[in-house]
Amino acid sequence: DPGIIFIPKPWRFDGLAAEERHVIR
């Protein structure tokens, strides 16, 4: 307890159109 291990993996996000504002949360 809590017994949590954080496991990271590479992040990639596709399809962000030009002429727009994008918000990554």
mmCIF file of all heavy atoms, coordinates in Angstrom:
data_MODEL
# 
_entry.id   MODEL 
# 
loop_
_atom_site.group_PDB 
_atom_site.id 
_atom_site.type_symbol 
_atom_site.label_atom_id 
_atom_site.label_alt_id 
_atom_site.label_comp_id 
_atom_site.label_asym_id 
_atom_site.label_entity_id 
_atom_site.label_seq_id 
_atom_site.pdbx_PDB_ins_code 
_atom_site.Cartn_x 
_atom_site.Cartn_y 
_atom_site.Cartn_z 
_atom_site.occupancy 
_atom_site.B_iso_or_equiv 
_atom_site.pdbx_formal_charge 
_atom_site.auth_seq_id 
_atom_site.auth_comp_id 
_atom_site.auth_asym_id 
_atom_site.auth_atom_id 
_atom_site.pdbx_PDB_model_num 
ATOM 1   N N   . ASP A 1 1  ? 0.840  -1.191 0.000   1.00 0.00 ? 1  ASP A N   1 
ATOM 2   C CA  . ASP A 1 1  ? 0.000  0.000  0.000   1.00 0.00 ? 1  ASP A CA  1 
ATOM 3   C C   . ASP A 1 1  ? 0.880  1.248  0.000   1.00 0.00 ? 1  ASP A C   1 
ATOM 4   O O   . ASP A 1 1  ? 1.676  1.416  0.924   1.00 0.00 ? 1  ASP A O   1 
ATOM 5   C CB  . ASP A 1 1  ? -0.903 -0.011 1.241   1.00 0.00 ? 1  ASP A CB  1 
ATOM 6   C CG  . ASP A 1 1  ? -1.877 1.154  1.280   1.00 0.00 ? 1  ASP A CG  1 
ATOM 7   O OD1 . ASP A 1 1  ? -2.100 1.770  0.211   1.00 0.00 ? 1  ASP A OD1 1 
ATOM 8   O OD2 . ASP A 1 1  ? -2.385 1.457  2.373   1.00 0.00 ? 1  ASP A OD2 1 
ATOM 9   N N   . PRO A 1 2  ? 0.797  2.096  -1.007  1.00 0.00 ? 2  PRO A N   1 
ATOM 10  C CA  . PRO A 1 2  ? -0.151 2.072  -2.132  1.00 0.00 ? 2  PRO A CA  1 
ATOM 11  C C   . PRO A 1 2  ? 0.211  1.070  -3.221  1.00 0.00 ? 2  PRO A C   1 
ATOM 12  O O   . PRO A 1 2  ? -0.609 0.766  -4.078  1.00 0.00 ? 2  PRO A O   1 
ATOM 13  C CB  . PRO A 1 2  ? -0.091 3.498  -2.671  1.00 0.00 ? 2  PRO A CB  1 
ATOM 14  C CG  . PRO A 1 2  ? 1.303  3.927  -2.386  1.00 0.00 ? 2  PRO A CG  1 
ATOM 15  C CD  . PRO A 1 2  ? 1.651  3.307  -1.054  1.00 0.00 ? 2  PRO A CD  1 
ATOM 16  N N   . GLY A 1 3  ? 1.443  0.596  -3.240  1.00 0.00 ? 3  GLY A N   1 
ATOM 17  C CA  . GLY A 1 3  ? 1.822  -0.445 -4.199  1.00 0.00 ? 3  GLY A CA  1 
ATOM 18  C C   . GLY A 1 3  ? 1.862  0.017  -5.641  1.00 0.00 ? 3  GLY A C   1 
ATOM 19  O O   . GLY A 1 3  ? 1.515  -0.754 -6.538  1.00 0.00 ? 3  GLY A O   1 
ATOM 20  N N   . ILE A 1 4  ? 2.275  1.260  -5.871  1.00 0.00 ? 4  ILE A N   1 
ATOM 21  C CA  . ILE A 1 4  ? 2.276  1.819  -7.224  1.00 0.00 ? 4  ILE A CA  1 
ATOM 22  C C   . ILE A 1 4  ? 3.703  2.039  -7.710  1.00 0.00 ? 4  ILE A C   1 
ATOM 23  O O   . ILE A 1 4  ? 4.552  2.592  -7.007  1.00 0.00 ? 4  ILE A O   1 
ATOM 24  C CB  . ILE A 1 4  ? 1.517  3.163  -7.265  1.00 0.00 ? 4  ILE A CB  1 
ATOM 25  C CG1 . ILE A 1 4  ? 0.047  2.944  -6.910  1.00 0.00 ? 4  ILE A CG1 1 
ATOM 26  C CG2 . ILE A 1 4  ? 1.646  3.817  -8.640  1.00 0.00 ? 4  ILE A CG2 1 
ATOM 27  C CD1 . ILE A 1 4  ? -0.718 2.074  -7.889  1.00 0.00 ? 4  ILE A CD1 1 
ATOM 28  N N   . ILE A 1 5  ? 3.960  1.596  -8.948  1.00 0.00 ? 5  ILE A N   1 
ATOM 29  C CA  . ILE A 1 5  ? 5.186  1.913  -9.671  1.00 0.00 ? 5  ILE A CA  1 
ATOM 30  C C   . ILE A 1 5  ? 4.776  2.623  -10.958 1.00 0.00 ? 5  ILE A C   1 
ATOM 31  O O   . ILE A 1 5  ? 3.857  2.185  -11.661 1.00 0.00 ? 5  ILE A O   1 
ATOM 32  C CB  . ILE A 1 5  ? 5.989  0.635  -10.009 1.00 0.00 ? 5  ILE A CB  1 
ATOM 33  C CG1 . ILE A 1 5  ? 6.650  0.077  -8.751  1.00 0.00 ? 5  ILE A CG1 1 
ATOM 34  C CG2 . ILE A 1 5  ? 7.056  0.922  -11.064 1.00 0.00 ? 5  ILE A CG2 1 
ATOM 35  C CD1 . ILE A 1 5  ? 7.815  0.897  -8.232  1.00 0.00 ? 5  ILE A CD1 1 
ATOM 36  N N   . PHE A 1 6  ? 5.441  3.730  -11.255 1.00 0.00 ? 6  PHE A N   1 
ATOM 37  C CA  . PHE A 1 6  ? 5.146  4.489  -12.473 1.00 0.00 ? 6  PHE A CA  1 
ATOM 38  C C   . PHE A 1 6  ? 5.981  3.940  -13.622 1.00 0.00 ? 6  PHE A C   1 
ATOM 39  O O   . PHE A 1 6  ? 7.212  3.899  -13.536 1.00 0.00 ? 6  PHE A O   1 
ATOM 40  C CB  . PHE A 1 6  ? 5.441  5.969  -12.250 1.00 0.00 ? 6  PHE A CB  1 
ATOM 41  C CG  . PHE A 1 6  ? 4.536  6.626  -11.263 1.00 0.00 ? 6  PHE A CG  1 
ATOM 42  C CD1 . PHE A 1 6  ? 4.831  6.601  -9.908  1.00 0.00 ? 6  PHE A CD1 1 
ATOM 43  C CD2 . PHE A 1 6  ? 3.375  7.266  -11.681 1.00 0.00 ? 6  PHE A CD2 1 
ATOM 44  C CE1 . PHE A 1 6  ? 3.992  7.208  -8.987  1.00 0.00 ? 6  PHE A CE1 1 
ATOM 45  C CE2 . PHE A 1 6  ? 2.541  7.878  -10.765 1.00 0.00 ? 6  PHE A CE2 1 
ATOM 46  C CZ  . PHE A 1 6  ? 2.839  7.853  -9.411  1.00 0.00 ? 6  PHE A CZ  1 
ATOM 47  N N   . ILE A 1 7  ? 5.303  3.532  -14.698 1.00 0.00 ? 7  ILE A N   1 
ATOM 48  C CA  . ILE A 1 7  ? 5.993  2.947  -15.849 1.00 0.00 ? 7  ILE A CA  1 
ATOM 49  C C   . ILE A 1 7  ? 5.827  3.891  -17.042 1.00 0.00 ? 7  ILE A C   1 
ATOM 50  O O   . ILE A 1 7  ? 4.719  4.046  -17.572 1.00 0.00 ? 7  ILE A O   1 
ATOM 51  C CB  . ILE A 1 7  ? 5.437  1.559  -16.191 1.00 0.00 ? 7  ILE A CB  1 
ATOM 52  C CG1 . ILE A 1 7  ? 5.541  0.632  -14.971 1.00 0.00 ? 7  ILE A CG1 1 
ATOM 53  C CG2 . ILE A 1 7  ? 6.189  0.963  -17.387 1.00 0.00 ? 7  ILE A CG2 1 
ATOM 54  C CD1 . ILE A 1 7  ? 4.955  -0.741 -15.201 1.00 0.00 ? 7  ILE A CD1 1 
ATOM 55  N N   . PRO A 1 8  ? 6.917  4.547  -17.475 1.00 0.00 ? 8  PRO A N   1 
ATOM 56  C CA  . PRO A 1 8  ? 6.815  5.492  -18.597 1.00 0.00 ? 8  PRO A CA  1 
ATOM 57  C C   . PRO A 1 8  ? 6.956  4.806  -19.951 1.00 0.00 ? 8  PRO A C   1 
ATOM 58  O O   . PRO A 1 8  ? 7.693  3.826  -20.096 1.00 0.00 ? 8  PRO A O   1 
ATOM 59  C CB  . PRO A 1 8  ? 7.989  6.441  -18.339 1.00 0.00 ? 8  PRO A CB  1 
ATOM 60  C CG  . PRO A 1 8  ? 9.034  5.541  -17.732 1.00 0.00 ? 8  PRO A CG  1 
ATOM 61  C CD  . PRO A 1 8  ? 8.273  4.519  -16.904 1.00 0.00 ? 8  PRO A CD  1 
ATOM 62  N N   . LYS A 1 9  ? 6.254  5.325  -20.917 1.00 0.00 ? 9  LYS A N   1 
ATOM 63  C CA  . LYS A 1 9  ? 6.377  4.862  -22.295 1.00 0.00 ? 9  LYS A CA  1 
ATOM 64  C C   . LYS A 1 9  ? 6.479  6.087  -23.197 1.00 0.00 ? 9  LYS A C   1 
ATOM 65  O O   . LYS A 1 9  ? 5.934  7.143  -22.879 1.00 0.00 ? 9  LYS A O   1 
ATOM 66  C CB  . LYS A 1 9  ? 5.168  4.000  -22.691 1.00 0.00 ? 9  LYS A CB  1 
ATOM 67  C CG  . LYS A 1 9  ? 5.041  2.729  -21.866 1.00 0.00 ? 9  LYS A CG  1 
ATOM 68  C CD  . LYS A 1 9  ? 3.805  1.939  -22.255 1.00 0.00 ? 9  LYS A CD  1 
ATOM 69  C CE  . LYS A 1 9  ? 3.661  0.688  -21.380 1.00 0.00 ? 9  LYS A CE  1 
ATOM 70  N NZ  . LYS A 1 9  ? 2.430  -0.078 -21.702 1.00 0.00 ? 9  LYS A NZ  1 
ATOM 71  N N   . PRO A 1 10 ? 7.185  5.972  -24.335 1.00 0.00 ? 10 PRO A N   1 
ATOM 72  C CA  . PRO A 1 10 ? 7.333  7.133  -25.227 1.00 0.00 ? 10 PRO A CA  1 
ATOM 73  C C   . PRO A 1 10 ? 5.977  7.668  -25.659 1.00 0.00 ? 10 PRO A C   1 
ATOM 74  O O   . PRO A 1 10 ? 5.040  6.903  -25.933 1.00 0.00 ? 10 PRO A O   1 
ATOM 75  C CB  . PRO A 1 10 ? 8.120  6.565  -26.417 1.00 0.00 ? 10 PRO A CB  1 
ATOM 76  C CG  . PRO A 1 10 ? 8.839  5.385  -25.869 1.00 0.00 ? 10 PRO A CG  1 
ATOM 77  C CD  . PRO A 1 10 ? 7.924  4.793  -24.830 1.00 0.00 ? 10 PRO A CD  1 
ATOM 78  N N   . TRP A 1 11 ? 5.878  8.990  -25.719 1.00 0.00 ? 11 TRP A N   1 
ATOM 79  C CA  . TRP A 1 11 ? 4.621  9.652  -26.088 1.00 0.00 ? 11 TRP A CA  1 
ATOM 80  C C   . TRP A 1 11 ? 4.741  10.290 -27.462 1.00 0.00 ? 11 TRP A C   1 
ATOM 81  O O   . TRP A 1 11 ? 5.750  10.904 -27.791 1.00 0.00 ? 11 TRP A O   1 
ATOM 82  C CB  . TRP A 1 11 ? 4.280  10.723 -25.066 1.00 0.00 ? 11 TRP A CB  1 
ATOM 83  C CG  . TRP A 1 11 ? 3.095  11.566 -25.435 1.00 0.00 ? 11 TRP A CG  1 
ATOM 84  C CD1 . TRP A 1 11 ? 1.776  11.236 -25.330 1.00 0.00 ? 11 TRP A CD1 1 
ATOM 85  C CD2 . TRP A 1 11 ? 3.125  12.892 -25.985 1.00 0.00 ? 11 TRP A CD2 1 
ATOM 86  N NE1 . TRP A 1 11 ? 0.984  12.271 -25.772 1.00 0.00 ? 11 TRP A NE1 1 
ATOM 87  C CE2 . TRP A 1 11 ? 1.789  13.298 -26.182 1.00 0.00 ? 11 TRP A CE2 1 
ATOM 88  C CE3 . TRP A 1 11 ? 4.161  13.773 -26.317 1.00 0.00 ? 11 TRP A CE3 1 
ATOM 89  C CZ2 . TRP A 1 11 ? 1.450  14.551 -26.701 1.00 0.00 ? 11 TRP A CZ2 1 
ATOM 90  C CZ3 . TRP A 1 11 ? 3.833  15.021 -26.840 1.00 0.00 ? 11 TRP A CZ3 1 
ATOM 91  C CH2 . TRP A 1 11 ? 2.495  15.399 -27.029 1.00 0.00 ? 11 TRP A CH2 1 
ATOM 92  N N   . ARG A 1 12 ? 3.694  10.111 -28.265 1.00 0.00 ? 12 ARG A N   1 
ATOM 93  C CA  . ARG A 1 12 ? 3.620  10.725 -29.585 1.00 0.00 ? 12 ARG A CA  1 
ATOM 94  C C   . ARG A 1 12 ? 2.159  11.009 -29.899 1.00 0.00 ? 12 ARG A C   1 
ATOM 95  O O   . ARG A 1 12 ? 1.288  10.197 -29.573 1.00 0.00 ? 12 ARG A O   1 
ATOM 96  C CB  . ARG A 1 12 ? 4.219  9.809  -30.658 1.00 0.00 ? 12 ARG A CB  1 
ATOM 97  C CG  . ARG A 1 12 ? 4.148  10.392 -32.077 1.00 0.00 ? 12 ARG A CG  1 
ATOM 98  C CD  . ARG A 1 12 ? 4.651  9.397  -33.122 1.00 0.00 ? 12 ARG A CD  1 
ATOM 99  N NE  . ARG A 1 12 ? 4.500  9.913  -34.468 1.00 0.00 ? 12 ARG A NE  1 
ATOM 100 C CZ  . ARG A 1 12 ? 5.443  10.597 -35.104 1.00 0.00 ? 12 ARG A CZ  1 
ATOM 101 N NH1 . ARG A 1 12 ? 6.610  10.810 -34.519 1.00 0.00 ? 12 ARG A NH1 1 
ATOM 102 N NH2 . ARG A 1 12 ? 5.229  11.048 -36.329 1.00 0.00 ? 12 ARG A NH2 1 
ATOM 103 N N   . PHE A 1 13 ? 1.895  12.164 -30.515 1.00 0.00 ? 13 PHE A N   1 
ATOM 104 C CA  . PHE A 1 13 ? 0.523  12.500 -30.888 1.00 0.00 ? 13 PHE A CA  1 
ATOM 105 C C   . PHE A 1 13 ? 0.528  13.011 -32.319 1.00 0.00 ? 13 PHE A C   1 
ATOM 106 O O   . PHE A 1 13 ? 1.248  13.938 -32.665 1.00 0.00 ? 13 PHE A O   1 
ATOM 107 C CB  . PHE A 1 13 ? -0.053 13.560 -29.949 1.00 0.00 ? 13 PHE A CB  1 
ATOM 108 C CG  . PHE A 1 13 ? -1.552 13.601 -29.955 1.00 0.00 ? 13 PHE A CG  1 
ATOM 109 C CD1 . PHE A 1 13 ? -2.290 12.837 -29.066 1.00 0.00 ? 13 PHE A CD1 1 
ATOM 110 C CD2 . PHE A 1 13 ? -2.244 14.383 -30.872 1.00 0.00 ? 13 PHE A CD2 1 
ATOM 111 C CE1 . PHE A 1 13 ? -3.682 12.857 -29.075 1.00 0.00 ? 13 PHE A CE1 1 
ATOM 112 C CE2 . PHE A 1 13 ? -3.631 14.403 -30.905 1.00 0.00 ? 13 PHE A CE2 1 
ATOM 113 C CZ  . PHE A 1 13 ? -4.351 13.641 -29.998 1.00 0.00 ? 13 PHE A CZ  1 
ATOM 114 N N   . ASP A 1 14 ? -0.295 12.369 -33.150 1.00 0.00 ? 14 ASP A N   1 
ATOM 115 C CA  . ASP A 1 14 ? -0.366 12.706 -34.575 1.00 0.00 ? 14 ASP A CA  1 
ATOM 116 C C   . ASP A 1 14 ? -1.658 13.457 -34.891 1.00 0.00 ? 14 ASP A C   1 
ATOM 117 O O   . ASP A 1 14 ? -2.588 13.516 -34.086 1.00 0.00 ? 14 ASP A O   1 
ATOM 118 C CB  . ASP A 1 14 ? -0.298 11.428 -35.426 1.00 0.00 ? 14 ASP A CB  1 
ATOM 119 C CG  . ASP A 1 14 ? 0.992  10.659 -35.219 1.00 0.00 ? 14 ASP A CG  1 
ATOM 120 O OD1 . ASP A 1 14 ? 2.059  11.288 -35.231 1.00 0.00 ? 14 ASP A OD1 1 
ATOM 121 O OD2 . ASP A 1 14 ? 0.925  9.425  -35.037 1.00 0.00 ? 14 ASP A OD2 1 
ATOM 122 N N   . GLY A 1 15 ? -1.700 14.009 -36.106 1.00 0.00 ? 15 GLY A N   1 
ATOM 123 C CA  . GLY A 1 15 ? -2.926 14.604 -36.617 1.00 0.00 ? 15 GLY A CA  1 
ATOM 124 C C   . GLY A 1 15 ? -3.234 15.984 -36.082 1.00 0.00 ? 15 GLY A C   1 
ATOM 125 O O   . GLY A 1 15 ? -4.413 16.360 -35.994 1.00 0.00 ? 15 GLY A O   1 
ATOM 126 N N   . LEU A 1 16 ? -2.216 16.771 -35.740 1.00 0.00 ? 16 LEU A N   1 
ATOM 127 C CA  . LEU A 1 16 ? -2.439 18.140 -35.286 1.00 0.00 ? 16 LEU A CA  1 
ATOM 128 C C   . LEU A 1 16 ? -2.442 19.053 -36.507 1.00 0.00 ? 16 LEU A C   1 
ATOM 129 O O   . LEU A 1 16 ? -1.403 19.291 -37.126 1.00 0.00 ? 16 LEU A O   1 
ATOM 130 C CB  . LEU A 1 16 ? -1.357 18.561 -34.295 1.00 0.00 ? 16 LEU A CB  1 
ATOM 131 C CG  . LEU A 1 16 ? -1.272 17.731 -33.009 1.00 0.00 ? 16 LEU A CG  1 
ATOM 132 C CD1 . LEU A 1 16 ? -0.079 18.175 -32.171 1.00 0.00 ? 16 LEU A CD1 1 
ATOM 133 C CD2 . LEU A 1 16 ? -2.556 17.835 -32.214 1.00 0.00 ? 16 LEU A CD2 1 
ATOM 134 N N   . ALA A 1 17 ? -3.612 19.554 -36.861 1.00 0.00 ? 17 ALA A N   1 
ATOM 135 C CA  . ALA A 1 17 ? -3.762 20.326 -38.091 1.00 0.00 ? 17 ALA A CA  1 
ATOM 136 C C   . ALA A 1 17 ? -3.105 21.695 -37.974 1.00 0.00 ? 17 ALA A C   1 
ATOM 137 O O   . ALA A 1 17 ? -3.143 22.334 -36.916 1.00 0.00 ? 17 ALA A O   1 
ATOM 138 C CB  . ALA A 1 17 ? -5.243 20.486 -38.437 1.00 0.00 ? 17 ALA A CB  1 
ATOM 139 N N   . ALA A 1 18 ? -2.495 22.145 -39.073 1.00 0.00 ? 18 ALA A N   1 
ATOM 140 C CA  . ALA A 1 18 ? -1.927 23.489 -39.116 1.00 0.00 ? 18 ALA A CA  1 
ATOM 141 C C   . ALA A 1 18 ? -3.067 24.514 -39.093 1.00 0.00 ? 18 ALA A C   1 
ATOM 142 O O   . ALA A 1 18 ? -4.233 24.189 -39.314 1.00 0.00 ? 18 ALA A O   1 
ATOM 143 C CB  . ALA A 1 18 ? -1.081 23.662 -40.371 1.00 0.00 ? 18 ALA A CB  1 
ATOM 144 N N   . GLU A 1 19 ? -2.693 25.752 -38.772 1.00 0.00 ? 19 GLU A N   1 
ATOM 145 C CA  . GLU A 1 19 ? -3.627 26.871 -38.678 1.00 0.00 ? 19 GLU A CA  1 
ATOM 146 C C   . GLU A 1 19 ? -4.662 26.663 -37.580 1.00 0.00 ? 19 GLU A C   1 
ATOM 147 O O   . GLU A 1 19 ? -5.793 27.115 -37.677 1.00 0.00 ? 19 GLU A O   1 
ATOM 148 C CB  . GLU A 1 19 ? -4.303 27.149 -40.022 1.00 0.00 ? 19 GLU A CB  1 
ATOM 149 C CG  . GLU A 1 19 ? -3.308 27.556 -41.101 1.00 0.00 ? 19 GLU A CG  1 
ATOM 150 C CD  . GLU A 1 19 ? -3.973 28.126 -42.334 1.00 0.00 ? 19 GLU A CD  1 
ATOM 151 O OE1 . GLU A 1 19 ? -5.184 27.894 -42.515 1.00 0.00 ? 19 GLU A OE1 1 
ATOM 152 O OE2 . GLU A 1 19 ? -3.272 28.793 -43.118 1.00 0.00 ? 19 GLU A OE2 1 
ATOM 153 N N   . GLU A 1 20 ? -4.245 25.956 -36.525 1.00 0.00 ? 20 GLU A N   1 
ATOM 154 C CA  . GLU A 1 20 ? -5.110 25.777 -35.366 1.00 0.00 ? 20 GLU A CA  1 
ATOM 155 C C   . GLU A 1 20 ? -4.264 25.837 -34.104 1.00 0.00 ? 20 GLU A C   1 
ATOM 156 O O   . GLU A 1 20 ? -3.054 25.631 -34.139 1.00 0.00 ? 20 GLU A O   1 
ATOM 157 C CB  . GLU A 1 20 ? -5.835 24.425 -35.424 1.00 0.00 ? 20 GLU A CB  1 
ATOM 158 C CG  . GLU A 1 20 ? -6.880 24.317 -36.512 1.00 0.00 ? 20 GLU A CG  1 
ATOM 159 C CD  . GLU A 1 20 ? -7.649 23.013 -36.433 1.00 0.00 ? 20 GLU A CD  1 
ATOM 160 O OE1 . GLU A 1 20 ? -7.673 22.402 -35.340 1.00 0.00 ? 20 GLU A OE1 1 
ATOM 161 O OE2 . GLU A 1 20 ? -8.196 22.598 -37.462 1.00 0.00 ? 20 GLU A OE2 1 
ATOM 162 N N   . ARG A 1 21 ? -4.941 26.123 -32.971 1.00 0.00 ? 21 ARG A N   1 
ATOM 163 C CA  . ARG A 1 21 ? -4.286 26.035 -31.675 1.00 0.00 ? 21 ARG A CA  1 
ATOM 164 C C   . ARG A 1 21 ? -4.717 24.729 -31.034 1.00 0.00 ? 21 ARG A C   1 
ATOM 165 O O   . ARG A 1 21 ? -5.909 24.421 -30.971 1.00 0.00 ? 21 ARG A O   1 
ATOM 166 C CB  . ARG A 1 21 ? -4.675 27.206 -30.772 1.00 0.00 ? 21 ARG A CB  1 
ATOM 167 C CG  . ARG A 1 21 ? -4.062 27.050 -29.378 1.00 0.00 ? 21 ARG A CG  1 
ATOM 168 C CD  . ARG A 1 21 ? -4.431 28.164 -28.443 1.00 0.00 ? 21 ARG A CD  1 
ATOM 169 N NE  . ARG A 1 21 ? -3.890 27.900 -27.115 1.00 0.00 ? 21 ARG A NE  1 
ATOM 170 C CZ  . ARG A 1 21 ? -4.080 28.675 -26.072 1.00 0.00 ? 21 ARG A CZ  1 
ATOM 171 N NH1 . ARG A 1 21 ? -4.793 29.774 -26.185 1.00 0.00 ? 21 ARG A NH1 1 
ATOM 172 N NH2 . ARG A 1 21 ? -3.563 28.374 -24.898 1.00 0.00 ? 21 ARG A NH2 1 
ATOM 173 N N   . HIS A 1 22 ? -3.743 23.981 -30.536 1.00 0.00 ? 22 HIS A N   1 
ATOM 174 C CA  . HIS A 1 22 ? -4.008 22.700 -29.893 1.00 0.00 ? 22 HIS A CA  1 
ATOM 175 C C   . HIS A 1 22 ? -3.571 22.768 -28.442 1.00 0.00 ? 22 HIS A C   1 
ATOM 176 O O   . HIS A 1 22 ? -2.519 23.341 -28.123 1.00 0.00 ? 22 HIS A O   1 
ATOM 177 C CB  . HIS A 1 22 ? -3.266 21.580 -30.617 1.00 0.00 ? 22 HIS A CB  1 
ATOM 178 C CG  . HIS A 1 22 ? -3.594 21.490 -32.075 1.00 0.00 ? 22 HIS A CG  1 
ATOM 179 N ND1 . HIS A 1 22 ? -4.667 20.775 -32.561 1.00 0.00 ? 22 HIS A ND1 1 
ATOM 180 C CD2 . HIS A 1 22 ? -2.996 22.066 -33.160 1.00 0.00 ? 22 HIS A CD2 1 
ATOM 181 C CE1 . HIS A 1 22 ? -4.712 20.879 -33.877 1.00 0.00 ? 22 HIS A CE1 1 
ATOM 182 N NE2 . HIS A 1 22 ? -3.706 21.662 -34.270 1.00 0.00 ? 22 HIS A NE2 1 
ATOM 183 N N   . VAL A 1 23 ? -4.362 22.184 -27.568 1.00 0.00 ? 23 VAL A N   1 
ATOM 184 C CA  . VAL A 1 23 ? -4.065 22.173 -26.139 1.00 0.00 ? 23 VAL A CA  1 
ATOM 185 C C   . VAL A 1 23 ? -3.797 20.736 -25.711 1.00 0.00 ? 23 VAL A C   1 
ATOM 186 O O   . VAL A 1 23 ? -4.638 19.859 -25.912 1.00 0.00 ? 23 VAL A O   1 
ATOM 187 C CB  . VAL A 1 23 ? -5.213 22.777 -25.316 1.00 0.00 ? 23 VAL A CB  1 
ATOM 188 C CG1 . VAL A 1 23 ? -4.883 22.747 -23.829 1.00 0.00 ? 23 VAL A CG1 1 
ATOM 189 C CG2 . VAL A 1 23 ? -5.500 24.210 -25.763 1.00 0.00 ? 23 VAL A CG2 1 
ATOM 190 N N   . ILE A 1 24 ? -2.630 20.516 -25.144 1.00 0.00 ? 24 ILE A N   1 
ATOM 191 C CA  . ILE A 1 24 ? -2.250 19.199 -24.636 1.00 0.00 ? 24 ILE A CA  1 
ATOM 192 C C   . ILE A 1 24 ? -2.359 19.230 -23.120 1.00 0.00 ? 24 ILE A C   1 
ATOM 193 O O   . ILE A 1 24 ? -1.727 20.058 -22.464 1.00 0.00 ? 24 ILE A O   1 
ATOM 194 C CB  . ILE A 1 24 ? -0.826 18.833 -25.073 1.00 0.00 ? 24 ILE A CB  1 
ATOM 195 C CG1 . ILE A 1 24 ? -0.770 18.726 -26.600 1.00 0.00 ? 24 ILE A CG1 1 
ATOM 196 C CG2 . ILE A 1 24 ? -0.377 17.522 -24.432 1.00 0.00 ? 24 ILE A CG2 1 
ATOM 197 C CD1 . ILE A 1 24 ? 0.622  18.530 -27.151 1.00 0.00 ? 24 ILE A CD1 1 
ATOM 198 N N   . ARG A 1 25 ? -3.160 18.343 -22.571 1.00 0.00 ? 25 ARG A N   1 
ATOM 199 C CA  . ARG A 1 25 ? -3.421 18.318 -21.143 1.00 0.00 ? 25 ARG A CA  1 
ATOM 200 C C   . ARG A 1 25 ? -2.595 17.204 -20.492 1.00 0.00 ? 25 ARG A C   1 
ATOM 201 O O   . ARG A 1 25 ? -2.589 16.069 -20.964 1.00 0.00 ? 25 ARG A O   1 
ATOM 202 C CB  . ARG A 1 25 ? -4.911 18.113 -20.881 1.00 0.00 ? 25 ARG A CB  1 
ATOM 203 C CG  . ARG A 1 25 ? -5.811 19.017 -21.731 1.00 0.00 ? 25 ARG A CG  1 
ATOM 204 C CD  . ARG A 1 25 ? -7.229 19.025 -21.221 1.00 0.00 ? 25 ARG A CD  1 
ATOM 205 N NE  . ARG A 1 25 ? -7.275 19.743 -19.949 1.00 0.00 ? 25 ARG A NE  1 
ATOM 206 C CZ  . ARG A 1 25 ? -7.409 21.078 -19.870 1.00 0.00 ? 25 ARG A CZ  1 
ATOM 207 N NH1 . ARG A 1 25 ? -7.500 21.806 -20.964 1.00 0.00 ? 25 ARG A NH1 1 
ATOM 208 N NH2 . ARG A 1 25 ? -7.442 21.665 -18.691 1.00 0.00 ? 25 ARG A NH2 1 
# 
